[in-house]
Amino acid sequence: MMKTLLATTATLAILSMGPVWAQSATQPRADEPLMEETAPGAAMPADEAPETGSAPSEVPAGMPRADAPMTGEATATASFIGEQQDGNWLTSSLIGLDVTNPEGETLGKVAALEIGPDGQVVSVVIEAGGFLGMGARQVAVPYEAVQHVTVTPGEHQLILAATAEDLETAPDFVTRVQKRQEEDAVRVQQEMGAGQPAVVDPANPPGAAQ
């Protein structure tokens, strides 16, 4: 009887202490710091903030960095001219203009102006000879050799110290296009000739005694 009473008393004591053990097991210890979650946008603790001057984060290739200085090139602006200056000539008024000598003899007409890489006029191409545009040939003289005379405003005259005979004996002016066409024609003739058998004269066969 006594043993049964003691066992019952011990069991009740253990059951009454159970909640106390469970509470002590779930509560943190006094010497352990509480872990708090940082809310979005909240300041980061000083001991966890990144150091100033640390390497910037990687950016995709081809994308400018936010801290990179903005650079740009100024766009060039073209300048414009409002009117023709006094004493200046227009090529449109020179093409087809007669070229005469000091004696007033017409030598030909301006066919073209040759302009160098620096934009300066190099030579004057003159179309001389022929009749009604047939049989005319082109010769060129240095631009400085031609004297420009303004007879009246808008009326010009070109004077060249030469004679008609001088232009007849002058070499023909060949443009780069004409020269290339002539070279192509010669090459085609050579290629056609190389592919054809040689013509043998029956009266004078190769190796025949003369």
N, C-alpha and C. Protein backbone atom coordinates (compact mmCIF):
# COMPACT_ATOMS: atom_id res chain seq x y z
N MET A 1 0.83 -1.19 0.00
CA MET A 1 0.00 0.00 0.00
C MET A 1 0.87 1.24 0.00
N MET A 2 1.87 1.25 0.82
CA MET A 2 2.81 2.36 0.92
C MET A 2 3.57 2.53 -0.37
N LYS A 3 3.99 1.42 -1.02
CA LYS A 3 4.73 1.49 -2.28
C LYS A 3 3.86 2.08 -3.38
N THR A 4 2.63 1.73 -3.39
CA THR A 4 1.73 2.27 -4.42
C THR A 4 1.52 3.74 -4.25
N LEU A 5 1.41 4.22 -3.03
CA LEU A 5 1.23 5.64 -2.78
C LEU A 5 2.45 6.42 -3.17
N LEU A 6 3.65 5.91 -2.90
CA LEU A 6 4.90 6.60 -3.28
C LEU A 6 5.04 6.69 -4.79
N ALA A 7 4.69 5.64 -5.49
CA ALA A 7 4.82 5.62 -6.96
C ALA A 7 3.88 6.62 -7.58
N THR A 8 2.67 6.69 -7.03
CA THR A 8 1.69 7.65 -7.57
C THR A 8 2.14 9.07 -7.35
N THR A 9 2.70 9.34 -6.17
CA THR A 9 3.20 10.70 -5.84
C THR A 9 4.33 11.10 -6.76
N ALA A 10 5.26 10.18 -7.04
CA ALA A 10 6.41 10.48 -7.92
C ALA A 10 5.94 10.77 -9.33
N THR A 11 4.98 10.02 -9.80
CA THR A 11 4.46 10.23 -11.17
C THR A 11 3.81 11.59 -11.29
N LEU A 12 3.03 11.99 -10.30
CA LEU A 12 2.40 13.31 -10.35
C LEU A 12 3.43 14.42 -10.32
N ALA A 13 4.50 14.24 -9.56
CA ALA A 13 5.55 15.26 -9.49
C ALA A 13 6.23 15.44 -10.84
N ILE A 14 6.48 14.31 -11.49
CA ILE A 14 7.15 14.38 -12.83
C ILE A 14 6.25 15.07 -13.84
N LEU A 15 4.95 14.74 -13.85
CA LEU A 15 4.02 15.35 -14.80
C LEU A 15 3.89 16.85 -14.57
N SER A 16 3.92 17.28 -13.31
CA SER A 16 3.79 18.71 -13.01
C SER A 16 5.01 19.50 -13.43
N MET A 17 6.18 18.86 -13.51
CA MET A 17 7.41 19.55 -13.92
C MET A 17 7.59 19.56 -15.43
N GLY A 18 6.79 18.81 -16.21
CA GLY A 18 6.95 18.74 -17.68
C GLY A 18 6.85 20.08 -18.36
N PRO A 19 5.80 20.90 -18.11
CA PRO A 19 5.71 22.22 -18.77
C PRO A 19 6.88 23.12 -18.47
N VAL A 20 7.43 23.02 -17.26
CA VAL A 20 8.59 23.85 -16.91
C VAL A 20 9.77 23.50 -17.76
N TRP A 21 10.03 22.18 -17.98
CA TRP A 21 11.15 21.75 -18.83
C TRP A 21 10.95 22.18 -20.28
N ALA A 22 9.71 22.07 -20.76
CA ALA A 22 9.45 22.45 -22.16
C ALA A 22 9.66 23.92 -22.38
N GLN A 23 9.25 24.77 -21.37
CA GLN A 23 9.42 26.21 -21.52
C GLN A 23 10.88 26.59 -21.49
N SER A 24 11.67 25.94 -20.59
CA SER A 24 13.09 26.26 -20.51
C SER A 24 13.83 25.81 -21.75
N ALA A 25 13.32 24.74 -22.43
CA ALA A 25 14.00 24.25 -23.63
C ALA A 25 13.78 25.17 -24.81
N THR A 26 12.63 25.88 -24.89
CA THR A 26 12.31 26.72 -26.04
C THR A 26 12.80 28.14 -25.88
N GLN A 27 13.00 28.63 -24.66
CA GLN A 27 13.45 30.00 -24.45
C GLN A 27 14.95 30.09 -24.65
N PRO A 28 15.43 31.17 -25.32
CA PRO A 28 16.88 31.30 -25.53
C PRO A 28 17.57 31.62 -24.23
N ARG A 29 18.85 31.31 -24.24
CA ARG A 29 19.66 31.60 -23.06
C ARG A 29 19.92 33.09 -22.98
N ALA A 30 20.15 33.56 -21.75
CA ALA A 30 20.33 34.99 -21.52
C ALA A 30 21.59 35.50 -22.20
N ASP A 31 22.64 34.65 -22.36
CA ASP A 31 23.89 35.11 -22.95
C ASP A 31 23.92 34.99 -24.46
N GLU A 32 22.84 34.51 -25.14
CA GLU A 32 22.81 34.41 -26.60
C GLU A 32 22.04 35.60 -27.17
N PRO A 33 22.62 36.33 -28.16
CA PRO A 33 21.91 37.49 -28.74
C PRO A 33 20.73 37.04 -29.57
N LEU A 34 19.71 37.88 -29.59
CA LEU A 34 18.52 37.58 -30.37
C LEU A 34 18.81 37.81 -31.84
N MET A 35 18.36 36.91 -32.75
CA MET A 35 18.54 37.03 -34.20
C MET A 35 17.31 37.72 -34.76
N GLU A 36 17.50 38.91 -35.39
CA GLU A 36 16.40 39.66 -35.95
C GLU A 36 16.58 39.76 -37.46
N GLU A 37 15.51 39.59 -38.17
CA GLU A 37 15.56 39.74 -39.62
C GLU A 37 15.49 41.22 -39.98
N THR A 38 16.32 41.60 -40.97
CA THR A 38 16.35 42.99 -41.40
C THR A 38 15.25 43.22 -42.40
N ALA A 39 14.42 44.21 -42.14
CA ALA A 39 13.31 44.51 -43.04
C ALA A 39 13.85 45.11 -44.33
N PRO A 40 13.16 44.92 -45.46
CA PRO A 40 13.62 45.51 -46.74
C PRO A 40 13.73 47.01 -46.62
N GLY A 41 14.88 47.56 -47.07
CA GLY A 41 15.11 49.00 -47.02
C GLY A 41 15.70 49.47 -45.73
N ALA A 42 15.84 48.59 -44.74
CA ALA A 42 16.42 49.01 -43.46
C ALA A 42 17.92 49.15 -43.60
N ALA A 43 18.51 49.99 -42.75
CA ALA A 43 19.95 50.21 -42.79
C ALA A 43 20.68 48.97 -42.34
N MET A 44 21.80 48.70 -43.02
CA MET A 44 22.60 47.54 -42.68
C MET A 44 23.49 47.88 -41.49
N PRO A 45 23.67 46.95 -40.57
CA PRO A 45 24.56 47.22 -39.43
C PRO A 45 25.92 47.67 -39.90
N ALA A 46 26.57 48.48 -39.05
CA ALA A 46 27.85 49.05 -39.44
C ALA A 46 28.90 47.99 -39.67
N ASP A 47 28.86 46.87 -38.88
CA ASP A 47 29.89 45.86 -39.03
C ASP A 47 29.67 44.98 -40.24
N GLU A 48 28.48 45.11 -40.92
CA GLU A 48 28.23 44.29 -42.10
C GLU A 48 28.18 45.12 -43.38
N ALA A 49 28.30 46.47 -43.30
CA ALA A 49 28.26 47.32 -44.48
C ALA A 49 29.51 47.13 -45.29
N PRO A 50 29.43 47.17 -46.66
CA PRO A 50 30.62 46.99 -47.49
C PRO A 50 31.58 48.14 -47.31
N GLU A 51 32.88 47.87 -47.44
CA GLU A 51 33.90 48.87 -47.27
C GLU A 51 33.88 49.84 -48.43
N THR A 52 34.16 51.12 -48.12
CA THR A 52 34.20 52.16 -49.16
C THR A 52 35.41 51.93 -50.04
N GLY A 53 35.23 52.06 -51.36
CA GLY A 53 36.34 51.85 -52.28
C GLY A 53 36.48 50.43 -52.73
N SER A 54 35.53 49.57 -52.40
CA SER A 54 35.61 48.19 -52.83
C SER A 54 35.34 48.11 -54.32
N ALA A 55 35.71 47.00 -54.95
CA ALA A 55 35.57 46.83 -56.39
C ALA A 55 34.12 46.93 -56.80
N PRO A 56 33.82 47.65 -57.89
CA PRO A 56 32.43 47.79 -58.33
C PRO A 56 31.91 46.47 -58.84
N SER A 57 30.60 46.35 -58.83
CA SER A 57 29.99 45.12 -59.30
C SER A 57 30.16 44.99 -60.80
N GLU A 58 30.12 43.78 -61.27
CA GLU A 58 30.29 43.52 -62.70
C GLU A 58 29.07 44.03 -63.46
N VAL A 59 29.37 44.59 -64.68
CA VAL A 59 28.30 45.06 -65.56
C VAL A 59 28.41 44.30 -66.87
N PRO A 60 27.30 44.07 -67.55
CA PRO A 60 27.35 43.35 -68.82
C PRO A 60 28.23 44.06 -69.83
N ALA A 61 28.83 43.28 -70.72
CA ALA A 61 29.70 43.84 -71.74
C ALA A 61 28.91 44.78 -72.64
N GLY A 62 29.51 45.94 -72.96
CA GLY A 62 28.85 46.90 -73.84
C GLY A 62 27.97 47.89 -73.12
N MET A 63 27.68 47.67 -71.83
CA MET A 63 26.84 48.59 -71.07
C MET A 63 27.73 49.55 -70.29
N PRO A 64 27.44 50.86 -70.34
CA PRO A 64 28.26 51.81 -69.59
C PRO A 64 28.03 51.68 -68.09
N ARG A 65 29.07 51.88 -67.33
CA ARG A 65 28.95 51.86 -65.89
C ARG A 65 28.32 53.14 -65.40
N ALA A 66 27.62 53.04 -64.27
CA ALA A 66 26.92 54.21 -63.73
C ALA A 66 27.90 55.28 -63.29
N ASP A 67 29.12 54.86 -62.80
CA ASP A 67 30.09 55.83 -62.32
C ASP A 67 31.05 56.27 -63.39
N ALA A 68 30.87 55.78 -64.67
CA ALA A 68 31.78 56.17 -65.74
C ALA A 68 31.42 57.56 -66.23
N PRO A 69 32.45 58.43 -66.53
CA PRO A 69 32.15 59.78 -67.02
C PRO A 69 31.55 59.74 -68.41
N MET A 70 30.64 60.64 -68.69
CA MET A 70 30.00 60.71 -69.99
C MET A 70 30.90 61.46 -70.96
N THR A 71 31.16 60.83 -72.10
CA THR A 71 32.00 61.44 -73.12
C THR A 71 31.20 61.53 -74.40
N GLY A 72 31.50 62.51 -75.24
CA GLY A 72 30.81 62.67 -76.52
C GLY A 72 31.60 63.55 -77.44
N GLU A 73 31.45 63.34 -78.77
CA GLU A 73 32.14 64.13 -79.77
C GLU A 73 31.18 65.15 -80.36
N ALA A 74 31.67 66.38 -80.53
CA ALA A 74 30.84 67.43 -81.10
C ALA A 74 30.63 67.15 -82.58
N THR A 75 29.42 67.31 -83.05
CA THR A 75 29.10 67.10 -84.45
C THR A 75 29.49 68.33 -85.25
N ALA A 76 30.28 68.09 -86.34
CA ALA A 76 30.72 69.20 -87.18
C ALA A 76 29.54 69.81 -87.91
N THR A 77 29.54 71.13 -88.01
CA THR A 77 28.48 71.85 -88.68
C THR A 77 29.02 72.45 -89.96
N ALA A 78 28.38 72.16 -91.10
CA ALA A 78 28.83 72.68 -92.38
C ALA A 78 28.55 74.17 -92.47
N SER A 79 29.47 74.89 -93.13
CA SER A 79 29.27 76.32 -93.36
C SER A 79 28.72 76.53 -94.77
N PHE A 80 27.97 77.58 -94.95
CA PHE A 80 27.32 77.85 -96.23
C PHE A 80 27.72 79.23 -96.72
N ILE A 81 27.72 79.38 -98.06
CA ILE A 81 28.05 80.64 -98.71
C ILE A 81 26.81 81.17 -99.40
N GLY A 82 26.48 82.41 -99.14
CA GLY A 82 25.23 82.95 -99.64
C GLY A 82 25.29 83.46 -101.06
N GLU A 83 26.45 83.90 -101.55
CA GLU A 83 26.52 84.46 -102.90
C GLU A 83 27.92 84.31 -103.47
N GLN A 84 27.99 84.43 -104.79
CA GLN A 84 29.26 84.35 -105.48
C GLN A 84 30.07 85.62 -105.25
N GLN A 85 31.34 85.45 -104.94
CA GLN A 85 32.19 86.59 -104.67
C GLN A 85 32.66 87.23 -105.97
N ASP A 86 32.90 88.53 -105.92
CA ASP A 86 33.38 89.25 -107.09
C ASP A 86 34.73 88.69 -107.53
N GLY A 87 34.88 88.48 -108.82
CA GLY A 87 36.13 87.96 -109.36
C GLY A 87 36.20 86.46 -109.43
N ASN A 88 35.27 85.74 -108.79
CA ASN A 88 35.26 84.28 -108.84
C ASN A 88 34.53 83.79 -110.08
N TRP A 89 35.00 82.67 -110.60
CA TRP A 89 34.41 82.08 -111.80
C TRP A 89 33.68 80.80 -111.42
N LEU A 90 32.63 80.50 -112.17
CA LEU A 90 31.92 79.24 -112.01
C LEU A 90 32.29 78.31 -113.16
N THR A 91 32.51 77.05 -112.85
CA THR A 91 32.87 76.10 -113.91
C THR A 91 31.74 75.97 -114.93
N SER A 92 30.51 76.18 -114.49
CA SER A 92 29.40 76.07 -115.42
C SER A 92 29.49 77.11 -116.53
N SER A 93 30.11 78.26 -116.24
CA SER A 93 30.26 79.30 -117.26
C SER A 93 31.51 79.11 -118.08
N LEU A 94 32.42 78.22 -117.65
CA LEU A 94 33.66 77.98 -118.39
C LEU A 94 33.49 76.85 -119.41
N ILE A 95 32.71 75.83 -119.08
CA ILE A 95 32.55 74.70 -120.00
C ILE A 95 31.87 75.20 -121.27
N GLY A 96 32.52 74.95 -122.43
CA GLY A 96 31.98 75.39 -123.71
C GLY A 96 32.42 76.79 -124.11
N LEU A 97 33.16 77.48 -123.25
CA LEU A 97 33.61 78.83 -123.56
C LEU A 97 34.75 78.78 -124.56
N ASP A 98 34.75 79.73 -125.51
CA ASP A 98 35.80 79.79 -126.52
C ASP A 98 37.13 80.15 -125.90
N VAL A 99 38.18 79.54 -126.43
CA VAL A 99 39.55 79.88 -126.05
C VAL A 99 40.19 80.54 -127.28
N THR A 100 40.66 81.75 -127.12
CA THR A 100 41.26 82.49 -128.23
C THR A 100 42.71 82.82 -127.91
N ASN A 101 43.44 83.20 -128.93
CA ASN A 101 44.80 83.68 -128.71
C ASN A 101 44.79 85.20 -128.66
N PRO A 102 45.91 85.83 -128.34
CA PRO A 102 45.92 87.29 -128.24
C PRO A 102 45.52 87.99 -129.53
N GLU A 103 45.66 87.32 -130.68
CA GLU A 103 45.28 87.93 -131.95
C GLU A 103 43.79 87.81 -132.22
N GLY A 104 43.05 87.13 -131.33
CA GLY A 104 41.62 86.99 -131.51
C GLY A 104 41.21 85.76 -132.27
N GLU A 105 42.15 84.89 -132.63
CA GLU A 105 41.84 83.66 -133.35
C GLU A 105 41.30 82.61 -132.38
N THR A 106 40.20 82.01 -132.74
CA THR A 106 39.59 80.99 -131.88
C THR A 106 40.39 79.69 -132.00
N LEU A 107 40.81 79.16 -130.86
CA LEU A 107 41.60 77.93 -130.84
C LEU A 107 40.75 76.71 -130.53
N GLY A 108 39.70 76.86 -129.81
CA GLY A 108 38.84 75.75 -129.44
C GLY A 108 37.90 76.15 -128.32
N LYS A 109 37.29 75.15 -127.72
CA LYS A 109 36.35 75.36 -126.62
C LYS A 109 36.79 74.56 -125.40
N VAL A 110 36.44 75.07 -124.22
CA VAL A 110 36.76 74.36 -122.98
C VAL A 110 35.87 73.13 -122.89
N ALA A 111 36.52 71.97 -122.81
CA ALA A 111 35.77 70.71 -122.70
C ALA A 111 35.67 70.25 -121.26
N ALA A 112 36.69 70.50 -120.45
CA ALA A 112 36.68 70.05 -119.06
C ALA A 112 37.77 70.77 -118.30
N LEU A 113 37.68 70.69 -116.98
CA LEU A 113 38.69 71.21 -116.08
C LEU A 113 39.20 70.05 -115.24
N GLU A 114 40.50 69.88 -115.18
CA GLU A 114 41.09 68.82 -114.35
C GLU A 114 41.39 69.38 -112.97
N ILE A 115 40.89 68.71 -111.96
CA ILE A 115 41.03 69.16 -110.57
C ILE A 115 41.89 68.16 -109.81
N GLY A 116 42.86 68.66 -109.06
CA GLY A 116 43.76 67.81 -108.30
C GLY A 116 43.18 67.38 -106.98
N PRO A 117 43.90 66.51 -106.25
CA PRO A 117 43.40 66.01 -104.95
C PRO A 117 43.17 67.12 -103.93
N ASP A 118 43.89 68.24 -104.07
CA ASP A 118 43.72 69.33 -103.12
C ASP A 118 42.57 70.26 -103.47
N GLY A 119 41.83 69.93 -104.56
CA GLY A 119 40.69 70.74 -104.95
C GLY A 119 41.03 71.88 -105.87
N GLN A 120 42.30 72.04 -106.25
CA GLN A 120 42.72 73.11 -107.13
C GLN A 120 42.65 72.66 -108.59
N VAL A 121 42.30 73.60 -109.49
CA VAL A 121 42.25 73.29 -110.91
C VAL A 121 43.67 73.13 -111.42
N VAL A 122 43.94 72.01 -112.09
CA VAL A 122 45.28 71.69 -112.57
C VAL A 122 45.46 72.07 -114.03
N SER A 123 44.50 71.71 -114.86
CA SER A 123 44.64 71.97 -116.29
C SER A 123 43.29 72.27 -116.91
N VAL A 124 43.35 72.88 -118.11
CA VAL A 124 42.17 73.17 -118.90
C VAL A 124 42.23 72.29 -120.14
N VAL A 125 41.19 71.48 -120.33
CA VAL A 125 41.11 70.60 -121.49
C VAL A 125 40.36 71.34 -122.58
N ILE A 126 41.01 71.46 -123.74
CA ILE A 126 40.45 72.23 -124.86
C ILE A 126 40.10 71.27 -125.99
N GLU A 127 38.91 71.41 -126.50
CA GLU A 127 38.48 70.66 -127.68
C GLU A 127 38.76 71.51 -128.91
N ALA A 128 39.69 71.03 -129.74
CA ALA A 128 40.15 71.83 -130.88
C ALA A 128 40.02 71.03 -132.17
N GLY A 129 39.99 71.79 -133.30
CA GLY A 129 39.92 71.16 -134.61
C GLY A 129 38.55 70.59 -134.90
N GLY A 130 38.47 69.89 -136.00
CA GLY A 130 37.21 69.28 -136.39
C GLY A 130 36.26 70.27 -137.02
N PHE A 131 35.11 69.77 -137.39
CA PHE A 131 34.10 70.60 -138.02
C PHE A 131 32.74 70.16 -137.51
N LEU A 132 32.03 71.07 -136.92
CA LEU A 132 30.71 70.79 -136.34
C LEU A 132 30.77 69.63 -135.34
N GLY A 133 31.84 69.61 -134.55
CA GLY A 133 31.99 68.58 -133.54
C GLY A 133 32.53 67.26 -134.05
N MET A 134 32.79 67.16 -135.35
CA MET A 134 33.30 65.91 -135.92
C MET A 134 34.80 66.03 -136.13
N GLY A 135 35.53 65.00 -135.66
CA GLY A 135 36.97 65.00 -135.86
C GLY A 135 37.73 65.88 -134.89
N ALA A 136 37.07 66.42 -133.88
CA ALA A 136 37.76 67.26 -132.90
C ALA A 136 38.62 66.40 -131.99
N ARG A 137 39.67 66.98 -131.49
CA ARG A 137 40.57 66.30 -130.56
C ARG A 137 40.73 67.16 -129.32
N GLN A 138 41.16 66.52 -128.23
CA GLN A 138 41.30 67.23 -126.96
C GLN A 138 42.78 67.35 -126.60
N VAL A 139 43.15 68.55 -126.24
CA VAL A 139 44.49 68.84 -125.73
C VAL A 139 44.31 69.57 -124.40
N ALA A 140 45.35 69.54 -123.58
CA ALA A 140 45.28 70.18 -122.27
C ALA A 140 46.47 71.10 -122.07
N VAL A 141 46.22 72.18 -121.39
CA VAL A 141 47.27 73.14 -121.05
C VAL A 141 47.17 73.42 -119.55
N PRO A 142 48.27 73.82 -118.92
CA PRO A 142 48.19 74.16 -117.49
C PRO A 142 47.20 75.29 -117.25
N TYR A 143 46.53 75.21 -116.12
CA TYR A 143 45.52 76.22 -115.80
C TYR A 143 46.13 77.62 -115.75
N GLU A 144 47.37 77.71 -115.29
CA GLU A 144 48.01 79.02 -115.17
C GLU A 144 48.35 79.62 -116.52
N ALA A 145 48.38 78.77 -117.57
CA ALA A 145 48.72 79.29 -118.90
C ALA A 145 47.57 80.03 -119.55
N VAL A 146 46.39 79.88 -119.02
CA VAL A 146 45.20 80.52 -119.59
C VAL A 146 44.92 81.82 -118.83
N GLN A 147 44.76 82.88 -119.58
CA GLN A 147 44.45 84.19 -118.98
C GLN A 147 42.94 84.38 -118.94
N HIS A 148 42.46 84.72 -117.78
CA HIS A 148 41.02 84.92 -117.58
C HIS A 148 40.73 86.42 -117.65
N VAL A 149 39.83 86.76 -118.53
CA VAL A 149 39.48 88.17 -118.71
C VAL A 149 37.97 88.31 -118.57
N THR A 150 37.56 89.28 -117.79
CA THR A 150 36.14 89.59 -117.64
C THR A 150 35.83 90.78 -118.54
N VAL A 151 35.11 90.53 -119.62
CA VAL A 151 34.76 91.59 -120.56
C VAL A 151 33.70 92.49 -119.95
N THR A 152 32.60 91.91 -119.56
CA THR A 152 31.52 92.59 -118.85
C THR A 152 31.07 91.67 -117.73
N PRO A 153 30.35 92.19 -116.74
CA PRO A 153 29.85 91.30 -115.67
C PRO A 153 29.06 90.14 -116.27
N GLY A 154 29.53 88.93 -116.00
CA GLY A 154 28.87 87.74 -116.52
C GLY A 154 29.41 87.29 -117.86
N GLU A 155 30.27 88.07 -118.50
CA GLU A 155 30.87 87.69 -119.79
C GLU A 155 32.37 87.52 -119.61
N HIS A 156 32.86 86.32 -119.89
CA HIS A 156 34.27 86.02 -119.67
C HIS A 156 34.94 85.66 -120.99
N GLN A 157 36.25 85.74 -120.96
CA GLN A 157 37.05 85.39 -122.12
C GLN A 157 38.33 84.71 -121.66
N LEU A 158 38.70 83.63 -122.35
CA LEU A 158 39.92 82.90 -122.04
C LEU A 158 40.91 83.09 -123.18
N ILE A 159 42.12 83.50 -122.82
CA ILE A 159 43.15 83.79 -123.82
C ILE A 159 44.34 82.87 -123.55
N LEU A 160 44.81 82.20 -124.61
CA LEU A 160 45.96 81.30 -124.52
C LEU A 160 46.99 81.74 -125.55
N ALA A 161 48.20 81.91 -125.09
CA ALA A 161 49.28 82.34 -125.98
C ALA A 161 49.75 81.14 -126.82
N ALA A 162 49.00 80.83 -127.86
CA ALA A 162 49.33 79.71 -128.76
C ALA A 162 48.66 79.96 -130.10
N THR A 163 49.02 79.15 -131.06
CA THR A 163 48.41 79.22 -132.39
C THR A 163 47.64 77.93 -132.65
N ALA A 164 46.85 77.96 -133.73
CA ALA A 164 46.10 76.77 -134.11
C ALA A 164 47.05 75.63 -134.47
N GLU A 165 48.20 75.98 -135.09
CA GLU A 165 49.20 74.95 -135.43
C GLU A 165 49.78 74.31 -134.18
N ASP A 166 49.94 75.10 -133.11
CA ASP A 166 50.46 74.54 -131.86
C ASP A 166 49.51 73.49 -131.30
N LEU A 167 48.22 73.73 -131.38
CA LEU A 167 47.25 72.76 -130.88
C LEU A 167 47.19 71.53 -131.78
N GLU A 168 47.43 71.70 -133.08
CA GLU A 168 47.38 70.55 -133.98
C GLU A 168 48.53 69.58 -133.71
N THR A 169 49.67 70.10 -133.32
CA THR A 169 50.83 69.25 -133.05
C THR A 169 50.94 68.83 -131.59
N ALA A 170 50.07 69.35 -130.74
CA ALA A 170 50.11 68.99 -129.32
C ALA A 170 49.62 67.56 -129.13
N PRO A 171 50.13 66.86 -128.11
CA PRO A 171 49.66 65.48 -127.87
C PRO A 171 48.21 65.46 -127.42
N ASP A 172 47.52 64.37 -127.78
CA ASP A 172 46.14 64.21 -127.35
C ASP A 172 46.08 64.03 -125.84
N PHE A 173 45.08 64.64 -125.24
CA PHE A 173 44.86 64.47 -123.80
C PHE A 173 44.05 63.20 -123.59
N VAL A 174 44.61 62.26 -122.82
CA VAL A 174 43.98 60.97 -122.57
C VAL A 174 43.55 60.92 -121.11
N THR A 175 42.30 60.65 -120.90
CA THR A 175 41.80 60.52 -119.53
C THR A 175 42.14 59.13 -119.00
N ARG A 176 41.97 58.94 -117.72
CA ARG A 176 42.25 57.65 -117.10
C ARG A 176 41.30 56.58 -117.62
N VAL A 177 40.05 56.98 -117.85
CA VAL A 177 39.08 56.02 -118.38
C VAL A 177 39.49 55.58 -119.78
N GLN A 178 39.88 56.53 -120.65
CA GLN A 178 40.31 56.18 -121.99
C GLN A 178 41.56 55.30 -121.97
N LYS A 179 42.48 55.61 -121.09
CA LYS A 179 43.71 54.82 -121.00
C LYS A 179 43.40 53.39 -120.57
N ARG A 180 42.51 53.21 -119.61
CA ARG A 180 42.14 51.87 -119.17
C ARG A 180 41.41 51.12 -120.27
N GLN A 181 40.58 51.81 -121.03
CA GLN A 181 39.88 51.15 -122.14
C GLN A 181 40.87 50.70 -123.21
N GLU A 182 41.86 51.51 -123.51
CA GLU A 182 42.87 51.13 -124.50
C GLU A 182 43.69 49.94 -124.02
N GLU A 183 44.05 49.92 -122.75
CA GLU A 183 44.80 48.79 -122.21
C GLU A 183 43.98 47.51 -122.25
N ASP A 184 42.70 47.62 -121.94
CA ASP A 184 41.82 46.44 -121.99
C ASP A 184 41.69 45.93 -123.42
N ALA A 185 41.59 46.83 -124.39
CA ALA A 185 41.46 46.42 -125.79
C ALA A 185 42.72 45.71 -126.26
N VAL A 186 43.89 46.21 -125.88
CA VAL A 186 45.14 45.56 -126.27
C VAL A 186 45.26 44.18 -125.63
N ARG A 187 44.86 44.04 -124.38
CA ARG A 187 44.94 42.74 -123.71
C ARG A 187 44.00 41.74 -124.36
N VAL A 188 42.79 42.17 -124.74
CA VAL A 188 41.85 41.27 -125.40
C VAL A 188 42.40 40.80 -126.74
N GLN A 189 43.00 41.70 -127.50
CA GLN A 189 43.59 41.33 -128.78
C GLN A 189 44.72 40.33 -128.60
N GLN A 190 45.54 40.53 -127.58
CA GLN A 190 46.64 39.60 -127.32
C GLN A 190 46.12 38.23 -126.92
N GLU A 191 45.07 38.18 -126.10
CA GLU A 191 44.51 36.90 -125.69
C GLU A 191 43.87 36.17 -126.87
N MET A 192 43.19 36.91 -127.74
CA MET A 192 42.58 36.29 -128.92
C MET A 192 43.65 35.80 -129.88
N GLY A 193 44.73 36.56 -130.02
CA GLY A 193 45.81 36.13 -130.92
C GLY A 193 46.54 34.92 -130.41
N ALA A 194 46.67 34.78 -129.08
CA ALA A 194 47.38 33.63 -128.53
C ALA A 194 46.58 32.35 -128.71
N GLY A 195 45.26 32.45 -128.83
CA GLY A 195 44.44 31.25 -128.97
C GLY A 195 44.21 30.82 -130.40
N GLN A 196 44.73 31.56 -131.37
CA GLN A 196 44.55 31.22 -132.78
C GLN A 196 45.84 30.67 -133.36
N PRO A 197 45.74 29.69 -134.24
CA PRO A 197 46.97 29.13 -134.85
C PRO A 197 47.60 30.15 -135.78
N ALA A 198 48.92 30.06 -135.91
CA ALA A 198 49.63 30.99 -136.77
C ALA A 198 49.29 30.72 -138.22
N VAL A 199 49.16 31.78 -138.99
CA VAL A 199 48.84 31.66 -140.41
C VAL A 199 50.14 31.43 -141.18
N VAL A 200 50.17 30.35 -141.97
CA VAL A 200 51.37 29.98 -142.73
C VAL A 200 51.14 30.30 -144.20
N ASP A 201 52.09 31.00 -144.78
CA ASP A 201 52.01 31.33 -146.21
C ASP A 201 52.51 30.13 -146.99
N PRO A 202 51.65 29.50 -147.80
CA PRO A 202 52.10 28.31 -148.55
C PRO A 202 53.27 28.62 -149.47
N ALA A 203 53.34 29.83 -149.97
CA ALA A 203 54.44 30.18 -150.87
C ALA A 203 55.76 30.31 -150.14
N ASN A 204 55.71 30.61 -148.83
CA ASN A 204 56.93 30.76 -148.04
C ASN A 204 56.78 30.01 -146.74
N PRO A 205 56.82 28.68 -146.78
CA PRO A 205 56.69 27.91 -145.53
C PRO A 205 57.88 28.12 -144.63
N PRO A 206 57.68 27.91 -143.31
CA PRO A 206 58.81 28.09 -142.37
C PRO A 206 59.95 27.16 -142.74
N GLY A 207 61.18 27.68 -142.69
CA GLY A 207 62.37 26.87 -142.97
C GLY A 207 62.72 26.77 -144.42
N ALA A 208 61.92 27.40 -145.28
CA ALA A 208 62.21 27.33 -146.72
C ALA A 208 63.42 28.19 -147.03
N ALA A 209 64.19 27.76 -148.02
CA ALA A 209 65.38 28.51 -148.40
C ALA A 209 64.95 29.79 -149.12
N GLN A 210 65.63 30.88 -148.77
CA GLN A 210 65.31 32.16 -149.40
C GLN A 210 66.15 32.35 -150.66
